[in-house]
Amino acid sequence: MILLTGFEPFGGETVNPSWEAAQLAAARLTADGEPAAAVQLPCVFGDSLQVLAEAVRAHNPSLVLCVGQAGGRPAISLERVAINVDDARIPDNAGNQPVDEPVRAGGPAAYFSTLPLKRSLQALADAGLPAAVSQTAGTYVCNHVFYGLMDLLARAGSAARGGFIHVPFSTPQAEAHQAPGLPVGEMAAALVIIARASAVAGADARVPAGAEH
């Protein structure tokens, strides 16, 4: 079972392409004989982790792809690391605005994704989809969920792979903001490719995809 999550709209937007893409990807995977489910998370610190934990318990997935929106980024972002800090520049959808607080008090400083990021990157490039390995998932609810997911899997001793993917603005959002964007269909196609790359056993590809700054 593959579990995909996306977020409700936030920051004044009326849609969130992470949720639209997660639903579409889950439907495509299921239609191809690969059982998948999509669950929407609230863009709220704390509550998002409760909904995520309930979804993991309900579906017992072998792979979890959490997806969020990174408006302004030009490509699919394969997030490498989640850090144990909440530092919200804007309030979440419930008005919470934690500053320099841990995601989990006493938890590790960071977790790395257990997705095959480089293999996924190569597969996305082969499909002609813009993608990059990202070294930061921010310090807002996306990182909160990424850290919470990896902490949940680690503390449960789960063999499930998990990680976080950021998607750009959708095409209509991009036009409204005069910023880069992608069609939701291409985002969904990318999630399907990442899910399938993550189902392959063995070591990740070893190709450069770092950053100088």
N, C-alpha and C. Protein backbone atom coordinates (compact mmCIF):
# COMPACT_ATOMS: atom_id res chain seq x y z
N MET A 1 0.84 -1.19 0.00
CA MET A 1 0.00 0.00 0.00
C MET A 1 0.88 1.25 0.00
N ILE A 2 0.54 2.18 -0.87
CA ILE A 2 1.23 3.46 -0.95
C ILE A 2 0.31 4.54 -0.39
N LEU A 3 0.80 5.30 0.56
CA LEU A 3 0.04 6.40 1.14
C LEU A 3 0.63 7.72 0.66
N LEU A 4 -0.22 8.55 0.08
CA LEU A 4 0.17 9.89 -0.33
C LEU A 4 -0.64 10.89 0.47
N THR A 5 0.01 11.96 0.91
CA THR A 5 -0.71 13.01 1.61
C THR A 5 -0.46 14.34 0.90
N GLY A 6 -1.46 15.20 0.96
CA GLY A 6 -1.33 16.57 0.47
C GLY A 6 -1.99 17.49 1.48
N PHE A 7 -1.80 18.78 1.30
CA PHE A 7 -2.32 19.76 2.26
C PHE A 7 -3.54 20.50 1.72
N GLU A 8 -4.34 20.97 2.66
CA GLU A 8 -5.40 21.91 2.34
C GLU A 8 -4.76 23.24 1.92
N PRO A 9 -5.53 24.13 1.28
CA PRO A 9 -4.97 25.44 0.91
C PRO A 9 -4.53 26.23 2.14
N PHE A 10 -3.56 27.11 1.94
CA PHE A 10 -3.07 27.96 3.02
C PHE A 10 -2.55 29.26 2.42
N GLY A 11 -2.25 30.19 3.30
CA GLY A 11 -1.63 31.44 2.86
C GLY A 11 -2.47 32.25 1.89
N GLY A 12 -3.80 32.14 1.98
CA GLY A 12 -4.67 32.92 1.12
C GLY A 12 -5.00 32.27 -0.20
N GLU A 13 -4.42 31.10 -0.50
CA GLU A 13 -4.74 30.39 -1.73
C GLU A 13 -6.08 29.66 -1.59
N THR A 14 -6.75 29.43 -2.71
CA THR A 14 -8.02 28.71 -2.70
C THR A 14 -7.85 27.25 -3.04
N VAL A 15 -6.70 26.87 -3.55
CA VAL A 15 -6.39 25.47 -3.87
C VAL A 15 -4.98 25.17 -3.39
N ASN A 16 -4.71 23.89 -3.24
CA ASN A 16 -3.35 23.46 -2.94
C ASN A 16 -3.02 22.31 -3.90
N PRO A 17 -2.11 22.53 -4.85
CA PRO A 17 -1.83 21.50 -5.85
C PRO A 17 -1.23 20.24 -5.26
N SER A 18 -0.68 20.32 -4.06
CA SER A 18 -0.15 19.10 -3.44
C SER A 18 -1.26 18.09 -3.20
N TRP A 19 -2.44 18.56 -2.79
CA TRP A 19 -3.58 17.67 -2.55
C TRP A 19 -4.16 17.18 -3.87
N GLU A 20 -4.28 18.08 -4.83
CA GLU A 20 -4.81 17.68 -6.13
C GLU A 20 -3.92 16.62 -6.78
N ALA A 21 -2.61 16.83 -6.71
CA ALA A 21 -1.67 15.89 -7.32
C ALA A 21 -1.65 14.56 -6.57
N ALA A 22 -1.73 14.60 -5.25
CA ALA A 22 -1.73 13.37 -4.46
C ALA A 22 -2.94 12.51 -4.78
N GLN A 23 -4.12 13.14 -4.90
CA GLN A 23 -5.33 12.39 -5.24
C GLN A 23 -5.20 11.75 -6.61
N LEU A 24 -4.73 12.52 -7.59
CA LEU A 24 -4.62 12.02 -8.95
C LEU A 24 -3.60 10.90 -9.04
N ALA A 25 -2.47 11.05 -8.35
CA ALA A 25 -1.44 10.01 -8.37
C ALA A 25 -1.95 8.73 -7.73
N ALA A 26 -2.66 8.85 -6.62
CA ALA A 26 -3.21 7.66 -5.96
C ALA A 26 -4.18 6.93 -6.87
N ALA A 27 -5.00 7.68 -7.58
CA ALA A 27 -5.96 7.07 -8.49
C ALA A 27 -5.25 6.36 -9.64
N ARG A 28 -4.21 6.96 -10.17
CA ARG A 28 -3.46 6.35 -11.27
C ARG A 28 -2.76 5.08 -10.82
N LEU A 29 -2.14 5.13 -9.66
CA LEU A 29 -1.45 3.94 -9.14
C LEU A 29 -2.44 2.80 -8.92
N THR A 30 -3.56 3.12 -8.29
CA THR A 30 -4.57 2.10 -8.01
C THR A 30 -5.11 1.50 -9.31
N ALA A 31 -5.36 2.34 -10.30
CA ALA A 31 -5.86 1.85 -11.59
C ALA A 31 -4.86 0.92 -12.26
N ASP A 32 -3.58 1.10 -11.97
CA ASP A 32 -2.53 0.25 -12.54
C ASP A 32 -2.22 -0.96 -11.68
N GLY A 33 -3.06 -1.22 -10.68
CA GLY A 33 -2.87 -2.40 -9.85
C GLY A 33 -1.93 -2.21 -8.68
N GLU A 34 -1.62 -0.97 -8.36
CA GLU A 34 -0.73 -0.67 -7.23
C GLU A 34 -1.57 0.07 -6.18
N PRO A 35 -2.10 -0.61 -5.18
CA PRO A 35 -3.01 0.03 -4.22
C PRO A 35 -2.41 1.27 -3.58
N ALA A 36 -3.16 2.33 -3.61
CA ALA A 36 -2.70 3.60 -3.05
C ALA A 36 -3.88 4.37 -2.48
N ALA A 37 -3.60 5.21 -1.51
CA ALA A 37 -4.63 6.05 -0.90
C ALA A 37 -4.07 7.46 -0.72
N ALA A 38 -4.95 8.44 -0.82
CA ALA A 38 -4.58 9.84 -0.60
C ALA A 38 -5.34 10.39 0.59
N VAL A 39 -4.63 11.11 1.44
CA VAL A 39 -5.23 11.69 2.64
C VAL A 39 -4.84 13.16 2.70
N GLN A 40 -5.83 14.02 2.95
CA GLN A 40 -5.54 15.45 3.08
C GLN A 40 -5.17 15.79 4.51
N LEU A 41 -4.11 16.55 4.67
CA LEU A 41 -3.67 17.01 5.99
C LEU A 41 -4.05 18.47 6.18
N PRO A 42 -4.43 18.85 7.40
CA PRO A 42 -4.66 20.26 7.67
C PRO A 42 -3.32 21.00 7.71
N CYS A 43 -3.31 22.23 7.26
CA CYS A 43 -2.09 23.04 7.34
C CYS A 43 -2.03 23.68 8.73
N VAL A 44 -1.85 22.80 9.71
CA VAL A 44 -1.88 23.20 11.12
C VAL A 44 -0.81 22.40 11.87
N PHE A 45 0.02 23.08 12.60
CA PHE A 45 1.02 22.41 13.42
C PHE A 45 0.30 21.49 14.42
N GLY A 46 0.84 20.33 14.65
CA GLY A 46 0.25 19.39 15.60
C GLY A 46 -0.88 18.59 14.99
N ASP A 47 -1.96 19.24 14.59
CA ASP A 47 -3.10 18.53 14.01
C ASP A 47 -2.70 17.73 12.79
N SER A 48 -1.80 18.28 11.98
CA SER A 48 -1.37 17.57 10.77
C SER A 48 -0.70 16.25 11.12
N LEU A 49 0.05 16.21 12.20
CA LEU A 49 0.72 14.97 12.60
C LEU A 49 -0.27 13.96 13.16
N GLN A 50 -1.31 14.43 13.81
CA GLN A 50 -2.34 13.51 14.29
C GLN A 50 -3.06 12.83 13.13
N VAL A 51 -3.41 13.60 12.12
CA VAL A 51 -4.09 13.03 10.96
C VAL A 51 -3.15 12.08 10.22
N LEU A 52 -1.89 12.46 10.11
CA LEU A 52 -0.91 11.59 9.45
C LEU A 52 -0.76 10.27 10.20
N ALA A 53 -0.63 10.33 11.51
CA ALA A 53 -0.47 9.11 12.30
C ALA A 53 -1.69 8.20 12.16
N GLU A 54 -2.87 8.79 12.16
CA GLU A 54 -4.10 7.99 11.98
C GLU A 54 -4.10 7.32 10.61
N ALA A 55 -3.65 8.04 9.59
CA ALA A 55 -3.63 7.47 8.24
C ALA A 55 -2.63 6.33 8.13
N VAL A 56 -1.48 6.49 8.77
CA VAL A 56 -0.47 5.42 8.75
C VAL A 56 -1.00 4.18 9.45
N ARG A 57 -1.67 4.37 10.59
CA ARG A 57 -2.25 3.23 11.31
C ARG A 57 -3.34 2.56 10.47
N ALA A 58 -4.14 3.34 9.80
CA ALA A 58 -5.27 2.79 9.05
C ALA A 58 -4.84 2.03 7.81
N HIS A 59 -3.79 2.52 7.13
CA HIS A 59 -3.41 1.95 5.84
C HIS A 59 -2.18 1.04 5.91
N ASN A 60 -1.40 1.13 6.99
CA ASN A 60 -0.20 0.31 7.14
C ASN A 60 0.62 0.29 5.83
N PRO A 61 1.04 1.45 5.35
CA PRO A 61 1.69 1.52 4.04
C PRO A 61 3.14 1.01 4.07
N SER A 62 3.60 0.59 2.90
CA SER A 62 5.01 0.25 2.73
C SER A 62 5.79 1.46 2.22
N LEU A 63 5.07 2.49 1.77
CA LEU A 63 5.68 3.71 1.26
C LEU A 63 4.77 4.88 1.60
N VAL A 64 5.36 5.95 2.11
CA VAL A 64 4.60 7.17 2.40
C VAL A 64 5.26 8.35 1.69
N LEU A 65 4.49 8.99 0.82
CA LEU A 65 4.95 10.21 0.15
C LEU A 65 4.10 11.37 0.64
N CYS A 66 4.69 12.22 1.46
CA CYS A 66 4.00 13.43 1.89
C CYS A 66 4.37 14.54 0.91
N VAL A 67 3.37 15.31 0.51
CA VAL A 67 3.55 16.30 -0.55
C VAL A 67 3.05 17.66 -0.05
N GLY A 68 3.79 18.70 -0.39
CA GLY A 68 3.39 20.05 -0.02
C GLY A 68 3.71 21.02 -1.13
N GLN A 69 3.17 22.22 -1.01
CA GLN A 69 3.39 23.25 -2.01
C GLN A 69 4.53 24.17 -1.62
N ALA A 70 5.42 24.41 -2.56
CA ALA A 70 6.49 25.40 -2.39
C ALA A 70 6.35 26.41 -3.51
N GLY A 71 5.45 27.34 -3.35
CA GLY A 71 5.19 28.34 -4.37
C GLY A 71 6.43 29.16 -4.66
N GLY A 72 6.76 29.27 -5.94
CA GLY A 72 7.95 30.02 -6.35
C GLY A 72 9.07 29.13 -6.81
N ARG A 73 9.10 27.88 -6.34
CA ARG A 73 10.10 26.95 -6.84
C ARG A 73 9.72 26.51 -8.25
N PRO A 74 10.72 26.28 -9.10
CA PRO A 74 10.40 25.96 -10.49
C PRO A 74 10.26 24.48 -10.81
N ALA A 75 10.55 23.61 -9.85
CA ALA A 75 10.62 22.18 -10.14
C ALA A 75 10.09 21.35 -8.99
N ILE A 76 9.90 20.07 -9.25
CA ILE A 76 9.59 19.11 -8.19
C ILE A 76 10.80 19.02 -7.28
N SER A 77 10.60 19.18 -5.98
CA SER A 77 11.70 19.17 -5.02
C SER A 77 11.68 17.88 -4.21
N LEU A 78 12.72 17.09 -4.35
CA LEU A 78 12.89 15.87 -3.57
C LEU A 78 13.63 16.26 -2.29
N GLU A 79 12.91 16.32 -1.18
CA GLU A 79 13.51 16.84 0.05
C GLU A 79 14.43 15.81 0.70
N ARG A 80 15.62 16.26 1.06
CA ARG A 80 16.62 15.35 1.62
C ARG A 80 16.53 15.23 3.14
N VAL A 81 16.27 16.35 3.83
CA VAL A 81 16.41 16.32 5.30
C VAL A 81 15.30 17.12 5.98
N ALA A 82 14.80 16.58 7.09
CA ALA A 82 13.82 17.25 7.93
C ALA A 82 14.50 17.64 9.24
N ILE A 83 14.29 18.86 9.70
CA ILE A 83 14.95 19.31 10.93
C ILE A 83 13.93 19.50 12.05
N ASN A 84 14.42 19.35 13.27
CA ASN A 84 13.55 19.37 14.45
C ASN A 84 13.32 20.79 14.94
N VAL A 85 12.70 21.61 14.08
CA VAL A 85 12.39 22.98 14.49
C VAL A 85 11.17 23.47 13.73
N ASP A 86 10.29 24.13 14.48
CA ASP A 86 9.16 24.86 13.92
C ASP A 86 9.46 26.35 14.09
N ASP A 87 9.46 27.08 12.98
CA ASP A 87 9.72 28.52 13.03
C ASP A 87 8.88 29.15 11.93
N ALA A 88 7.66 29.54 12.27
CA ALA A 88 6.66 29.94 11.29
C ALA A 88 6.73 31.43 10.99
N ARG A 89 6.99 31.75 9.72
CA ARG A 89 6.99 33.14 9.28
C ARG A 89 5.57 33.70 9.24
N ILE A 90 4.61 32.83 8.93
CA ILE A 90 3.19 33.21 8.91
C ILE A 90 2.42 32.22 9.77
N PRO A 91 1.26 32.61 10.31
CA PRO A 91 0.47 31.67 11.10
C PRO A 91 -0.05 30.52 10.23
N ASP A 92 -0.29 29.38 10.87
CA ASP A 92 -0.92 28.28 10.16
C ASP A 92 -2.42 28.55 10.06
N ASN A 93 -3.16 27.59 9.54
CA ASN A 93 -4.59 27.82 9.31
C ASN A 93 -5.42 27.90 10.59
N ALA A 94 -4.81 27.57 11.72
CA ALA A 94 -5.50 27.71 13.01
C ALA A 94 -4.99 28.91 13.80
N GLY A 95 -4.10 29.70 13.18
CA GLY A 95 -3.56 30.88 13.85
C GLY A 95 -2.34 30.62 14.69
N ASN A 96 -1.82 29.38 14.67
CA ASN A 96 -0.61 29.08 15.44
C ASN A 96 0.62 29.62 14.71
N GLN A 97 1.57 30.14 15.47
CA GLN A 97 2.80 30.63 14.88
C GLN A 97 3.99 30.34 15.80
N PRO A 98 4.37 29.06 15.90
CA PRO A 98 5.50 28.71 16.77
C PRO A 98 6.80 29.31 16.25
N VAL A 99 7.63 29.70 17.18
CA VAL A 99 8.92 30.28 16.84
C VAL A 99 10.01 29.53 17.60
N ASP A 100 10.93 28.94 16.85
CA ASP A 100 12.08 28.23 17.43
C ASP A 100 11.66 27.17 18.44
N GLU A 101 10.63 26.41 18.09
CA GLU A 101 10.17 25.32 18.93
C GLU A 101 10.49 23.99 18.26
N PRO A 102 10.75 22.93 19.03
CA PRO A 102 11.02 21.63 18.41
C PRO A 102 9.73 21.01 17.87
N VAL A 103 9.87 20.23 16.82
CA VAL A 103 8.74 19.43 16.37
C VAL A 103 8.42 18.40 17.45
N ARG A 104 9.46 17.76 17.96
CA ARG A 104 9.29 16.85 19.11
C ARG A 104 10.40 17.13 20.10
N ALA A 105 10.04 17.57 21.30
CA ALA A 105 11.02 17.85 22.33
C ALA A 105 11.84 16.59 22.62
N GLY A 106 13.14 16.72 22.59
CA GLY A 106 14.02 15.59 22.87
C GLY A 106 14.27 14.71 21.66
N GLY A 107 13.66 15.04 20.52
CA GLY A 107 13.86 14.23 19.32
C GLY A 107 15.22 14.52 18.68
N PRO A 108 15.63 13.67 17.74
CA PRO A 108 16.89 13.91 17.03
C PRO A 108 16.88 15.26 16.32
N ALA A 109 18.04 15.81 16.08
CA ALA A 109 18.13 17.11 15.42
C ALA A 109 17.55 17.06 14.01
N ALA A 110 17.69 15.91 13.35
CA ALA A 110 17.22 15.82 11.96
C ALA A 110 17.01 14.37 11.57
N TYR A 111 16.26 14.19 10.51
CA TYR A 111 16.09 12.88 9.87
C TYR A 111 16.33 13.05 8.38
N PHE A 112 16.93 12.04 7.77
CA PHE A 112 17.05 12.02 6.33
C PHE A 112 15.88 11.24 5.73
N SER A 113 15.48 11.64 4.53
CA SER A 113 14.49 10.88 3.78
C SER A 113 15.01 9.47 3.55
N THR A 114 14.12 8.50 3.51
CA THR A 114 14.52 7.13 3.17
C THR A 114 14.08 6.77 1.75
N LEU A 115 13.66 7.77 0.98
CA LEU A 115 13.36 7.55 -0.43
C LEU A 115 14.67 7.51 -1.24
N PRO A 116 14.69 6.81 -2.36
CA PRO A 116 15.85 6.83 -3.23
C PRO A 116 15.84 8.12 -4.06
N LEU A 117 16.35 9.18 -3.49
CA LEU A 117 16.21 10.50 -4.10
C LEU A 117 16.90 10.59 -5.46
N LYS A 118 18.11 10.05 -5.55
CA LYS A 118 18.86 10.18 -6.80
C LYS A 118 18.25 9.30 -7.90
N ARG A 119 17.79 8.12 -7.54
CA ARG A 119 17.13 7.26 -8.52
C ARG A 119 15.86 7.93 -9.02
N SER A 120 15.13 8.53 -8.10
CA SER A 120 13.92 9.25 -8.48
C SER A 120 14.25 10.43 -9.38
N LEU A 121 15.30 11.14 -9.05
CA LEU A 121 15.73 12.30 -9.84
C LEU A 121 16.04 11.88 -11.27
N GLN A 122 16.75 10.79 -11.42
CA GLN A 122 17.08 10.30 -12.76
C GLN A 122 15.82 9.89 -13.53
N ALA A 123 14.89 9.22 -12.83
CA ALA A 123 13.66 8.79 -13.49
C ALA A 123 12.81 9.99 -13.92
N LEU A 124 12.78 11.02 -13.11
CA LEU A 124 12.04 12.22 -13.47
C LEU A 124 12.68 12.93 -14.66
N ALA A 125 14.01 12.98 -14.67
CA ALA A 125 14.71 13.59 -15.80
C ALA A 125 14.44 12.81 -17.08
N ASP A 126 14.44 11.49 -16.99
CA ASP A 126 14.17 10.65 -18.16
C ASP A 126 12.76 10.90 -18.71
N ALA A 127 11.84 11.28 -17.81
CA ALA A 127 10.46 11.54 -18.22
C ALA A 127 10.27 12.99 -18.67
N GLY A 128 11.33 13.78 -18.63
CA GLY A 128 11.25 15.17 -19.05
C GLY A 128 10.58 16.09 -18.05
N LEU A 129 10.58 15.70 -16.77
CA LEU A 129 9.95 16.50 -15.73
C LEU A 129 11.02 17.24 -14.93
N PRO A 130 10.84 18.55 -14.68
CA PRO A 130 11.84 19.30 -13.93
C PRO A 130 11.87 18.88 -12.47
N ALA A 131 13.05 18.57 -11.97
CA ALA A 131 13.17 18.09 -10.58
C ALA A 131 14.55 18.40 -10.04
N ALA A 132 14.65 18.47 -8.73
CA ALA A 132 15.93 18.71 -8.07
C ALA A 132 15.87 18.13 -6.67
N VAL A 133 17.03 17.76 -6.15
CA VAL A 133 17.14 17.40 -4.74
C VAL A 133 17.25 18.69 -3.96
N SER A 134 16.39 18.85 -2.96
CA SER A 134 16.37 20.05 -2.13
C SER A 134 16.99 19.75 -0.77
N GLN A 135 17.77 20.71 -0.28
CA GLN A 135 18.44 20.53 1.00
C GLN A 135 17.67 21.13 2.17
N THR A 136 16.53 21.74 1.90
CA THR A 136 15.73 22.29 2.99
C THR A 136 14.25 22.24 2.66
N ALA A 137 13.47 21.74 3.60
CA ALA A 137 12.02 21.72 3.46
C ALA A 137 11.38 22.88 4.21
N GLY A 138 12.20 23.87 4.58
CA GLY A 138 11.70 25.03 5.31
C GLY A 138 11.53 24.73 6.80
N THR A 139 10.79 25.58 7.47
CA THR A 139 10.53 25.40 8.90
C THR A 139 9.05 25.61 9.22
N TYR A 140 8.22 25.44 8.18
CA TYR A 140 6.78 25.62 8.34
C TYR A 140 6.12 24.24 8.48
N VAL A 141 4.86 24.11 8.13
CA VAL A 141 4.13 22.87 8.38
C VAL A 141 4.65 21.73 7.51
N CYS A 142 5.21 22.03 6.34
CA CYS A 142 5.76 20.96 5.50
C CYS A 142 6.91 20.25 6.21
N ASN A 143 7.86 21.00 6.70
CA ASN A 143 8.96 20.39 7.45
C ASN A 143 8.45 19.70 8.70
N HIS A 144 7.47 20.30 9.35
CA HIS A 144 6.85 19.73 10.55
C HIS A 144 6.32 18.32 10.24
N VAL A 145 5.63 18.18 9.12
CA VAL A 145 5.07 16.88 8.72
C VAL A 145 6.18 15.93 8.29
N PHE A 146 7.16 16.42 7.55
CA PHE A 146 8.29 15.60 7.11
C PHE A 146 9.02 15.02 8.32
N TYR A 147 9.35 15.87 9.28
CA TYR A 147 10.02 15.40 10.49
C TYR A 147 9.12 14.43 11.25
N GLY A 148 7.84 14.80 11.39
CA GLY A 148 6.92 13.95 12.13
C GLY A 148 6.77 12.58 11.50
N LEU A 149 6.73 12.53 10.16
CA LEU A 149 6.63 11.25 9.47
C LEU A 149 7.85 10.38 9.76
N MET A 150 9.03 10.95 9.58
CA MET A 150 10.25 10.15 9.76
C MET A 150 10.41 9.73 11.21
N ASP A 151 10.01 10.59 12.14
CA ASP A 151 10.07 10.26 13.56
C ASP A 151 9.09 9.13 13.88
N LEU A 152 7.89 9.20 13.30
CA LEU A 152 6.88 8.17 13.51
C LEU A 152 7.38 6.82 13.02
N LEU A 153 7.93 6.77 11.81
CA LEU A 153 8.42 5.52 11.24
C LEU A 153 9.60 4.98 12.04
N ALA A 154 10.51 5.87 12.44
CA ALA A 154 11.70 5.44 13.19
C ALA A 154 11.33 4.88 14.55
N ARG A 155 10.43 5.55 15.26
CA ARG A 155 10.07 5.11 16.61
C ARG A 155 9.25 3.82 16.59
N ALA A 156 8.56 3.59 15.47
CA ALA A 156 7.77 2.36 15.33
C ALA A 156 8.62 1.21 14.81
N GLY A 157 9.86 1.49 14.41
CA GLY A 157 10.70 0.46 13.83
C GLY A 157 10.15 -0.02 12.50
N SER A 158 9.46 0.87 11.79
CA SER A 158 8.81 0.50 10.53
C SER A 158 9.83 0.35 9.41
N ALA A 159 9.58 -0.63 8.54
CA ALA A 159 10.42 -0.82 7.35
C ALA A 159 9.92 0.02 6.19
N ALA A 160 8.82 0.75 6.38
CA ALA A 160 8.27 1.57 5.31
C ALA A 160 9.23 2.68 4.92
N ARG A 161 9.31 2.95 3.64
CA ARG A 161 10.07 4.10 3.17
C ARG A 161 9.19 5.34 3.27
N GLY A 162 9.83 6.46 3.52
CA GLY A 162 9.05 7.69 3.63
C GLY A 162 9.87 8.91 3.27
N GLY A 163 9.18 9.95 2.87
CA GLY A 163 9.86 11.20 2.55
C GLY A 163 8.88 12.26 2.15
N PHE A 164 9.43 13.40 1.75
CA PHE A 164 8.61 14.57 1.45
C PHE A 164 8.98 15.13 0.09
N ILE A 165 7.94 15.51 -0.66
CA ILE A 165 8.10 16.09 -1.99
C ILE A 165 7.40 17.45 -2.00
N HIS A 166 8.11 18.48 -2.46
CA HIS A 166 7.49 19.77 -2.67
C HIS A 166 7.15 19.94 -4.15
N VAL A 167 5.97 20.47 -4.42
CA VAL A 167 5.57 20.78 -5.78
C VAL A 167 5.44 22.30 -5.94
N PRO A 168 5.63 22.81 -7.16
CA PRO A 168 5.49 24.25 -7.39
C PRO A 168 4.02 24.69 -7.38
N PHE A 169 3.80 25.95 -7.69
CA PHE A 169 2.45 26.43 -7.96
C PHE A 169 1.86 25.63 -9.12
N SER A 170 0.56 25.47 -9.13
CA SER A 170 -0.12 24.96 -10.32
C SER A 170 -0.06 26.04 -11.40
N THR A 171 -0.41 25.66 -12.63
CA THR A 171 -0.33 26.63 -13.73
C THR A 171 -1.19 27.87 -13.48
N PRO A 172 -2.46 27.72 -13.05
CA PRO A 172 -3.25 28.93 -12.77
C PRO A 172 -2.66 29.80 -11.65
N GLN A 173 -2.14 29.16 -10.61
CA GLN A 173 -1.50 29.92 -9.53
C GLN A 173 -0.28 30.66 -10.06
N ALA A 174 0.50 29.96 -10.87
CA ALA A 174 1.72 30.56 -11.41
C ALA A 174 1.40 31.81 -12.23
N GLU A 175 0.34 31.72 -13.03
CA GLU A 175 -0.07 32.88 -13.82
C GLU A 175 -0.50 34.03 -12.92
N ALA A 176 -1.21 33.71 -11.85
CA ALA A 176 -1.68 34.75 -10.93
C ALA A 176 -0.53 35.41 -10.19
N HIS A 177 0.49 34.62 -9.85
CA HIS A 177 1.62 35.14 -9.07
C HIS A 177 2.80 35.56 -9.94
N GLN A 178 2.69 35.32 -11.25
CA GLN A 178 3.81 35.57 -12.17
C GLN A 178 5.07 34.87 -11.66
N ALA A 179 4.90 33.58 -11.42
CA ALA A 179 5.96 32.75 -10.85
C ALA A 179 5.99 31.43 -11.60
N PRO A 180 7.05 30.63 -11.40
CA PRO A 180 7.09 29.32 -12.05
C PRO A 180 5.97 28.41 -11.57
N GLY A 181 5.59 27.47 -12.42
CA GLY A 181 4.54 26.52 -12.05
C GLY A 181 4.54 25.32 -12.96
N LEU A 182 3.72 24.34 -12.62
CA LEU A 182 3.56 23.13 -13.42
C LEU A 182 2.09 22.73 -13.45
N PRO A 183 1.64 22.08 -14.50
CA PRO A 183 0.29 21.52 -14.49
C PRO A 183 0.18 20.44 -13.42
N VAL A 184 -0.97 20.35 -12.79
CA VAL A 184 -1.19 19.35 -11.74
C VAL A 184 -0.98 17.94 -12.30
N GLY A 185 -1.36 17.72 -13.54
CA GLY A 185 -1.17 16.40 -14.14
C GLY A 185 0.28 15.99 -14.18
N GLU A 186 1.18 16.94 -14.45
CA GLU A 186 2.61 16.63 -14.45
C GLU A 186 3.11 16.37 -13.04
N MET A 187 2.57 17.09 -12.06
CA MET A 187 2.94 16.82 -10.66
C MET A 187 2.53 15.40 -10.28
N ALA A 188 1.32 15.01 -10.66
CA ALA A 188 0.84 13.66 -10.35
C ALA A 188 1.71 12.62 -11.03
N ALA A 189 2.07 12.88 -12.29
CA ALA A 189 2.95 11.95 -13.01
C ALA A 189 4.28 11.80 -12.28
N ALA A 190 4.79 12.90 -11.76
CA ALA A 190 6.05 12.85 -11.01
C ALA A 190 5.92 12.01 -9.75
N LEU A 191 4.79 12.14 -9.05
CA LEU A 191 4.58 11.35 -7.83
C LEU A 191 4.50 9.87 -8.14
N VAL A 192 3.85 9.52 -9.25
CA VAL A 192 3.78 8.12 -9.66
C VAL A 192 5.19 7.59 -9.95
N ILE A 193 5.99 8.38 -10.65
CA ILE A 193 7.37 7.97 -10.97
C ILE A 193 8.18 7.78 -9.69
N ILE A 194 8.04 8.69 -8.75
CA ILE A 194 8.78 8.58 -7.48
C ILE A 194 8.33 7.34 -6.71
N ALA A 195 7.04 7.09 -6.69
CA ALA A 195 6.52 5.91 -5.99
C ALA A 195 7.10 4.64 -6.60
N ARG A 196 7.15 4.58 -7.91
CA ARG A 196 7.67 3.37 -8.57
C ARG A 196 9.17 3.24 -8.40
N ALA A 197 9.88 4.34 -8.42
CA ALA A 197 11.32 4.29 -8.18
C ALA A 197 11.61 3.83 -6.75
N SER A 198 10.73 4.20 -5.83
CA SER A 198 10.91 3.85 -4.42
C SER A 198 10.56 2.40 -4.14
N ALA A 199 9.84 1.75 -5.06
CA ALA A 199 9.48 0.34 -4.88
C ALA A 199 10.60 -0.59 -5.28
N VAL A 200 11.64 -0.05 -5.91
CA VAL A 200 12.77 -0.86 -6.36
C VAL A 200 13.75 -1.04 -5.21
N ALA A 201 14.08 -2.28 -4.90
CA ALA A 201 15.02 -2.54 -3.81
C ALA A 201 16.44 -2.19 -4.23
N GLY A 202 17.31 -2.08 -3.24
CA GLY A 202 18.72 -1.83 -3.52
C GLY A 202 19.13 -0.41 -3.22
N ALA A 203 20.41 -0.17 -3.39
CA ALA A 203 20.99 1.12 -3.05
C ALA A 203 20.52 2.20 -4.02
N ASP A 204 20.54 3.42 -3.55
CA ASP A 204 20.18 4.55 -4.39
C ASP A 204 21.26 4.79 -5.44
N ALA A 205 20.91 5.49 -6.50
CA ALA A 205 21.89 5.90 -7.50
C ALA A 205 22.88 6.86 -6.85
N ARG A 206 24.08 6.90 -7.40
CA ARG A 206 25.11 7.80 -6.86
C ARG A 206 25.49 8.80 -7.94
N VAL A 207 24.78 9.91 -7.94
CA VAL A 207 25.02 10.98 -8.91
C VAL A 207 25.03 12.31 -8.15
N PRO A 208 25.77 13.30 -8.63
CA PRO A 208 25.80 14.58 -7.92
C PRO A 208 24.49 15.32 -8.05
N ALA A 209 23.99 15.83 -6.94
CA ALA A 209 22.77 16.63 -6.95
C ALA A 209 22.75 17.57 -5.74
N GLY A 210 23.94 18.00 -5.32
CA GLY A 210 24.05 18.85 -4.14
C GLY A 210 23.89 20.32 -4.48
N ALA A 211 24.26 21.15 -3.55
CA ALA A 211 24.11 22.61 -3.73
C ALA A 211 25.32 23.32 -3.15
N GLU A 212 25.67 24.44 -3.77
CA GLU A 212 26.79 25.25 -3.25
C GLU A 212 26.35 26.25 -2.19
N HIS A 213 25.05 26.48 -2.11
CA HIS A 213 24.56 27.45 -1.12
C HIS A 213 23.11 27.16 -0.80
